[in-house]
Amino acid sequence: MLSATYITDDKGKKISAVLPIKQYQQILEELEELEDIRAYDKVKAKKEKPIPLRDAIQQRRKK
């Protein structure tokens, strides 16, 4: 569970949050994992024929 400290403006509206560094790092790790999952899902949705890694590397080197 997150334990944030909120910074408010003069009217009491929350404008920022302060998190312990470990919680912040955990959030960043989870976001990175989510990005990886979304990228994987995007590629799988294309239903293209897979190619061997060495062929993909050779194609990248030619560019």
PDB file of N, CA and C in Angstrom:
ATOM      1  N   MET A   1       0.839  -1.185   0.000  1.00  0.00           N
ATOM      2  CA  MET A   1       0.000   0.000   0.000  1.00  0.00           C
ATOM      3  C   MET A   1       0.882   1.246   0.000  1.00  0.00           C
ATOM      4  N   LEU A   2       0.455   2.238  -0.740  1.00  0.00           N
ATOM      5  CA  LEU A   2       1.218   3.473  -0.822  1.00  0.00           C
ATOM      6  C   LEU A   2       1.014   4.320   0.430  1.00  0.00           C
ATOM      7  N   SER A   3       2.076   4.927   0.853  1.00  0.00           N
ATOM      8  CA  SER A   3       1.984   5.850   1.982  1.00  0.00           C
ATOM      9  C   SER A   3       2.542   7.190   1.533  1.00  0.00           C
ATOM     10  N   ALA A   4       1.683   7.971   0.886  1.00  0.00           N
ATOM     11  CA  ALA A   4       2.095   9.251   0.339  1.00  0.00           C
ATOM     12  C   ALA A   4       1.796  10.375   1.320  1.00  0.00           C
ATOM     13  N   THR A   5       2.625  11.373   1.264  1.00  0.00           N
ATOM     14  CA  THR A   5       2.374  12.629   1.958  1.00  0.00           C
ATOM     15  C   THR A   5       1.998  13.634   0.881  1.00  0.00           C
ATOM     16  N   TYR A   6       0.901  14.321   1.080  1.00  0.00           N
ATOM     17  CA  TYR A   6       0.411  15.238   0.057  1.00  0.00           C
ATOM     18  C   TYR A   6       0.795  16.676   0.366  1.00  0.00           C
ATOM     19  N   ILE A   7       1.108  17.402  -0.673  1.00  0.00           N
ATOM     20  CA  ILE A   7       1.373  18.832  -0.588  1.00  0.00           C
ATOM     21  C   ILE A   7       0.153  19.516  -1.177  1.00  0.00           C
ATOM     22  N   THR A   8      -0.363  20.498  -0.463  1.00  0.00           N
ATOM     23  CA  THR A   8      -1.585  21.173  -0.890  1.00  0.00           C
ATOM     24  C   THR A   8      -1.328  22.654  -1.164  1.00  0.00           C
ATOM     25  N   ASP A   9      -2.241  23.235  -1.935  1.00  0.00           N
ATOM     26  CA  ASP A   9      -2.163  24.673  -2.171  1.00  0.00           C
ATOM     27  C   ASP A   9      -2.886  25.414  -1.040  1.00  0.00           C
ATOM     28  N   ASP A  10      -3.044  26.711  -1.184  1.00  0.00           N
ATOM     29  CA  ASP A  10      -3.674  27.529  -0.144  1.00  0.00           C
ATOM     30  C   ASP A  10      -5.123  27.131   0.132  1.00  0.00           C
ATOM     31  N   LYS A  11      -5.778  26.520  -0.865  1.00  0.00           N
ATOM     32  CA  LYS A  11      -7.188  26.137  -0.718  1.00  0.00           C
ATOM     33  C   LYS A  11      -7.352  24.694  -0.250  1.00  0.00           C
ATOM     34  N   GLY A  12      -6.226  23.990  -0.022  1.00  0.00           N
ATOM     35  CA  GLY A  12      -6.283  22.613   0.439  1.00  0.00           C
ATOM     36  C   GLY A  12      -6.341  21.584  -0.679  1.00  0.00           C
ATOM     37  N   LYS A  13      -6.224  22.034  -1.914  1.00  0.00           N
ATOM     38  CA  LYS A  13      -6.237  21.116  -3.058  1.00  0.00           C
ATOM     39  C   LYS A  13      -4.882  20.420  -3.163  1.00  0.00           C
ATOM     40  N   LYS A  14      -4.902  19.110  -3.289  1.00  0.00           N
ATOM     41  CA  LYS A  14      -3.658  18.348  -3.421  1.00  0.00           C
ATOM     42  C   LYS A  14      -2.993  18.689  -4.751  1.00  0.00           C
ATOM     43  N   ILE A  15      -1.725  19.056  -4.684  1.00  0.00           N
ATOM     44  CA  ILE A  15      -0.997  19.419  -5.911  1.00  0.00           C
ATOM     45  C   ILE A  15       0.227  18.546  -6.156  1.00  0.00           C
ATOM     46  N   SER A  16       0.697  17.848  -5.123  1.00  0.00           N
ATOM     47  CA  SER A  16       1.862  16.964  -5.256  1.00  0.00           C
ATOM     48  C   SER A  16       1.773  15.863  -4.225  1.00  0.00           C
ATOM     49  N   ALA A  17       2.552  14.819  -4.476  1.00  0.00           N
ATOM     50  CA  ALA A  17       2.642  13.715  -3.519  1.00  0.00           C
ATOM     51  C   ALA A  17       4.105  13.353  -3.314  1.00  0.00           C
ATOM     52  N   VAL A  18       4.450  13.029  -2.085  1.00  0.00           N
ATOM     53  CA  VAL A  18       5.802  12.601  -1.747  1.00  0.00           C
ATOM     54  C   VAL A  18       5.713  11.149  -1.310  1.00  0.00           C
ATOM     55  N   LEU A  19       6.505  10.303  -1.966  1.00  0.00           N
ATOM     56  CA  LEU A  19       6.508   8.864  -1.670  1.00  0.00           C
ATOM     57  C   LEU A  19       7.863   8.446  -1.129  1.00  0.00           C
ATOM     58  N   PRO A  20       7.881   7.418  -0.290  1.00  0.00           N
ATOM     59  CA  PRO A  20       9.172   6.840   0.083  1.00  0.00           C
ATOM     60  C   PRO A  20       9.858   6.299  -1.177  1.00  0.00           C
ATOM     61  N   ILE A  21      11.177   6.399  -1.233  1.00  0.00           N
ATOM     62  CA  ILE A  21      11.919   6.018  -2.437  1.00  0.00           C
ATOM     63  C   ILE A  21      11.679   4.577  -2.840  1.00  0.00           C
ATOM     64  N   LYS A  22      11.539   3.671  -1.896  1.00  0.00           N
ATOM     65  CA  LYS A  22      11.303   2.260  -2.235  1.00  0.00           C
ATOM     66  C   LYS A  22       9.963   2.093  -2.948  1.00  0.00           C
ATOM     67  N   GLN A  23       8.953   2.815  -2.517  1.00  0.00           N
ATOM     68  CA  GLN A  23       7.655   2.731  -3.189  1.00  0.00           C
ATOM     69  C   GLN A  23       7.736   3.333  -4.585  1.00  0.00           C
ATOM     70  N   TYR A  24       8.440   4.438  -4.714  1.00  0.00           N
ATOM     71  CA  TYR A  24       8.618   5.067  -6.022  1.00  0.00           C
ATOM     72  C   TYR A  24       9.335   4.123  -6.987  1.00  0.00           C
ATOM     73  N   GLN A  25      10.401   3.474  -6.521  1.00  0.00           N
ATOM     74  CA  GLN A  25      11.147   2.543  -7.365  1.00  0.00           C
ATOM     75  C   GLN A  25      10.275   1.353  -7.756  1.00  0.00           C
ATOM     76  N   GLN A  26       9.448   0.871  -6.844  1.00  0.00           N
ATOM     77  CA  GLN A  26       8.548  -0.242  -7.146  1.00  0.00           C
ATOM     78  C   GLN A  26       7.538   0.153  -8.222  1.00  0.00           C
ATOM     79  N   ILE A  27       7.021   1.359  -8.127  1.00  0.00           N
ATOM     80  CA  ILE A  27       6.083   1.851  -9.146  1.00  0.00           C
ATOM     81  C   ILE A  27       6.768   1.897 -10.505  1.00  0.00           C
ATOM     82  N   LEU A  28       8.001   2.403 -10.550  1.00  0.00           N
ATOM     83  CA  LEU A  28       8.731   2.468 -11.821  1.00  0.00           C
ATOM     84  C   LEU A  28       8.957   1.075 -12.410  1.00  0.00           C
ATOM     85  N   GLU A  29       9.308   0.110 -11.565  1.00  0.00           N
ATOM     86  CA  GLU A  29       9.522  -1.262 -12.037  1.00  0.00           C
ATOM     87  C   GLU A  29       8.230  -1.849 -12.603  1.00  0.00           C
ATOM     88  N   GLU A  30       7.121  -1.610 -11.923  1.00  0.00           N
ATOM     89  CA  GLU A  30       5.841  -2.135 -12.390  1.00  0.00           C
ATOM     90  C   GLU A  30       5.410  -1.473 -13.690  1.00  0.00           C
ATOM     91  N   LEU A  31       5.675  -0.185 -13.841  1.00  0.00           N
ATOM     92  CA  LEU A  31       5.354   0.498 -15.097  1.00  0.00           C
ATOM     93  C   LEU A  31       6.183  -0.053 -16.250  1.00  0.00           C
ATOM     94  N   GLU A  32       7.457  -0.335 -15.982  1.00  0.00           N
ATOM     95  CA  GLU A  32       8.320  -0.909 -17.025  1.00  0.00           C
ATOM     96  C   GLU A  32       7.808  -2.285 -17.443  1.00  0.00           C
ATOM     97  N   GLU A  33       7.400  -3.079 -16.474  1.00  0.00           N
ATOM     98  CA  GLU A  33       6.854  -4.399 -16.784  1.00  0.00           C
ATOM     99  C   GLU A  33       5.565  -4.276 -17.599  1.00  0.00           C
ATOM    100  N   LEU A  34       4.730  -3.319 -17.244  1.00  0.00           N
ATOM    101  CA  LEU A  34       3.491  -3.105 -17.988  1.00  0.00           C
ATOM    102  C   LEU A  34       3.785  -2.690 -19.431  1.00  0.00           C
ATOM    103  N   GLU A  35       4.784  -1.842 -19.630  1.00  0.00           N
ATOM    104  CA  GLU A  35       5.184  -1.450 -20.987  1.00  0.00           C
ATOM    105  C   GLU A  35       5.628  -2.669 -21.796  1.00  0.00           C
ATOM    106  N   ASP A  36       6.390  -3.555 -21.158  1.00  0.00           N
ATOM    107  CA  ASP A  36       6.840  -4.775 -21.832  1.00  0.00           C
ATOM    108  C   ASP A  36       5.654  -5.650 -22.229  1.00  0.00           C
ATOM    109  N   ILE A  37       4.698  -5.791 -21.338  1.00  0.00           N
ATOM    110  CA  ILE A  37       3.504  -6.606 -21.620  1.00  0.00           C
ATOM    111  C   ILE A  37       2.722  -6.006 -22.782  1.00  0.00           C
ATOM    112  N   ARG A  38       2.558  -4.694 -22.766  1.00  0.00           N
ATOM    113  CA  ARG A  38       1.814  -4.030 -23.855  1.00  0.00           C
ATOM    114  C   ARG A  38       2.542  -4.190 -25.196  1.00  0.00           C
ATOM    115  N   ALA A  39       3.866  -4.075 -25.181  1.00  0.00           N
ATOM    116  CA  ALA A  39       4.640  -4.256 -26.416  1.00  0.00           C
ATOM    117  C   ALA A  39       4.490  -5.681 -26.931  1.00  0.00           C
ATOM    118  N   TYR A  40       4.551  -6.663 -26.034  1.00  0.00           N
ATOM    119  CA  TYR A  40       4.377  -8.064 -26.412  1.00  0.00           C
ATOM    120  C   TYR A  40       2.991  -8.279 -27.015  1.00  0.00           C
ATOM    121  N   ASP A  41       1.968  -7.766 -26.349  1.00  0.00           N
ATOM    122  CA  ASP A  41       0.598  -7.923 -26.850  1.00  0.00           C
ATOM    123  C   ASP A  41       0.427  -7.286 -28.228  1.00  0.00           C
ATOM    124  N   LYS A  42       1.065  -6.144 -28.442  1.00  0.00           N
ATOM    125  CA  LYS A  42       0.974  -5.449 -29.734  1.00  0.00           C
ATOM    126  C   LYS A  42       1.594  -6.295 -30.845  1.00  0.00           C
ATOM    127  N   VAL A  43       2.741  -6.883 -30.561  1.00  0.00           N
ATOM    128  CA  VAL A  43       3.424  -7.724 -31.551  1.00  0.00           C
ATOM    129  C   VAL A  43       2.610  -8.989 -31.825  1.00  0.00           C
ATOM    130  N   LYS A  44       2.105  -9.616 -30.777  1.00  0.00           N
ATOM    131  CA  LYS A  44       1.319 -10.845 -30.950  1.00  0.00           C
ATOM    132  C   LYS A  44       0.055 -10.584 -31.758  1.00  0.00           C
ATOM    133  N   ALA A  45      -0.535  -9.409 -31.610  1.00  0.00           N
ATOM    134  CA  ALA A  45      -1.762  -9.082 -32.320  1.00  0.00           C
ATOM    135  C   ALA A  45      -1.537  -8.989 -33.835  1.00  0.00           C
ATOM    136  N   LYS A  46      -0.315  -8.720 -34.252  1.00  0.00           N
ATOM    137  CA  LYS A  46      -0.006  -8.610 -35.679  1.00  0.00           C
ATOM    138  C   LYS A  46      -0.025  -9.968 -36.366  1.00  0.00           C
ATOM    139  N   LYS A  47       0.167 -11.031 -35.610  1.00  0.00           N
ATOM    140  CA  LYS A  47       0.134 -12.403 -36.124  1.00  0.00           C
ATOM    141  C   LYS A  47       1.097 -12.600 -37.296  1.00  0.00           C
ATOM    142  N   GLU A  48       2.267 -11.983 -37.182  1.00  0.00           N
ATOM    143  CA  GLU A  48       3.285 -12.158 -38.205  1.00  0.00           C
ATOM    144  C   GLU A  48       4.080 -13.423 -37.930  1.00  0.00           C
ATOM    145  N   LYS A  49       4.694 -13.940 -38.979  1.00  0.00           N
ATOM    146  CA  LYS A  49       5.519 -15.131 -38.837  1.00  0.00           C
ATOM    147  C   LYS A  49       6.812 -14.749 -38.113  1.00  0.00           C
ATOM    148  N   PRO A  50       7.173 -15.466 -37.063  1.00  0.00           N
ATOM    149  CA  PRO A  50       8.410 -15.143 -36.349  1.00  0.00           C
ATOM    150  C   PRO A  50       9.641 -15.464 -37.195  1.00  0.00           C
ATOM    151  N   ILE A  51      10.732 -14.737 -36.945  1.00  0.00           N
ATOM    152  CA  ILE A  51      11.991 -15.002 -37.642  1.00  0.00           C
ATOM    153  C   ILE A  51      13.061 -15.291 -36.589  1.00  0.00           C
ATOM    154  N   PRO A  52      14.071 -16.075 -36.945  1.00  0.00           N
ATOM    155  CA  PRO A  52      15.148 -16.364 -36.004  1.00  0.00           C
ATOM    156  C   PRO A  52      15.866 -15.079 -35.568  1.00  0.00           C
ATOM    157  N   LEU A  53      16.360 -15.069 -34.350  1.00  0.00           N
ATOM    158  CA  LEU A  53      17.036 -13.899 -33.805  1.00  0.00           C
ATOM    159  C   LEU A  53      18.208 -13.475 -34.668  1.00  0.00           C
ATOM    160  N   ARG A  54      19.008 -14.421 -35.133  1.00  0.00           N
ATOM    161  CA  ARG A  54      20.181 -14.052 -35.925  1.00  0.00           C
ATOM    162  C   ARG A  54      19.763 -13.335 -37.217  1.00  0.00           C
ATOM    163  N   ASP A  55      18.627 -13.732 -37.816  1.00  0.00           N
ATOM    164  CA  ASP A  55      18.138 -13.049 -39.015  1.00  0.00           C
ATOM    165  C   ASP A  55      17.692 -11.626 -38.685  1.00  0.00           C
ATOM    166  N   ALA A  56      17.043 -11.479 -37.548  1.00  0.00           N
ATOM    167  CA  ALA A  56      16.593 -10.131 -37.134  1.00  0.00           C
ATOM    168  C   ALA A  56      17.790  -9.229 -36.889  1.00  0.00           C
ATOM    169  N   ILE A  57      18.832  -9.758 -36.287  1.00  0.00           N
ATOM    170  CA  ILE A  57      20.044  -8.968 -36.024  1.00  0.00           C
ATOM    171  C   ILE A  57      20.701  -8.564 -37.330  1.00  0.00           C
ATOM    172  N   GLN A  58      20.774  -9.478 -38.278  1.00  0.00           N
ATOM    173  CA  GLN A  58      21.377  -9.167 -39.574  1.00  0.00           C
ATOM    174  C   GLN A  58      20.575  -8.075 -40.292  1.00  0.00           C
ATOM    175  N   GLN A  59      19.262  -8.163 -40.209  1.00  0.00           N
ATOM    176  CA  GLN A  59      18.426  -7.143 -40.847  1.00  0.00           C
ATOM    177  C   GLN A  59      18.658  -5.767 -40.219  1.00  0.00           C
ATOM    178  N   ARG A  60      18.813  -5.730 -38.886  1.00  0.00           N
ATOM    179  CA  ARG A  60      19.046  -4.460 -38.185  1.00  0.00           C
ATOM    180  C   ARG A  60      20.406  -3.871 -38.577  1.00  0.00           C
ATOM    181  N   ARG A  61      21.399  -4.739 -38.773  1.00  0.00           N
ATOM    182  CA  ARG A  61      22.730  -4.257 -39.120  1.00  0.00           C
ATOM    183  C   ARG A  61      22.767  -3.659 -40.518  1.00  0.00           C
ATOM    184  N   LYS A  62      21.914  -4.139 -41.406  1.00  0.00           N
ATOM    185  CA  LYS A  62      21.878  -3.644 -42.776  1.00  0.00           C
ATOM    186  C   LYS A  62      21.310  -2.237 -42.862  1.00  0.00           C
ATOM    187  N   LYS A  63      20.545  -1.817 -41.880  1.00  0.00           N
ATOM    188  CA  LYS A  63      19.906  -0.492 -41.915  1.00  0.00           C
ATOM    189  C   LYS A  63      20.868   0.620 -41.661  1.00  0.00           C
TER     190      LYS A  63
END
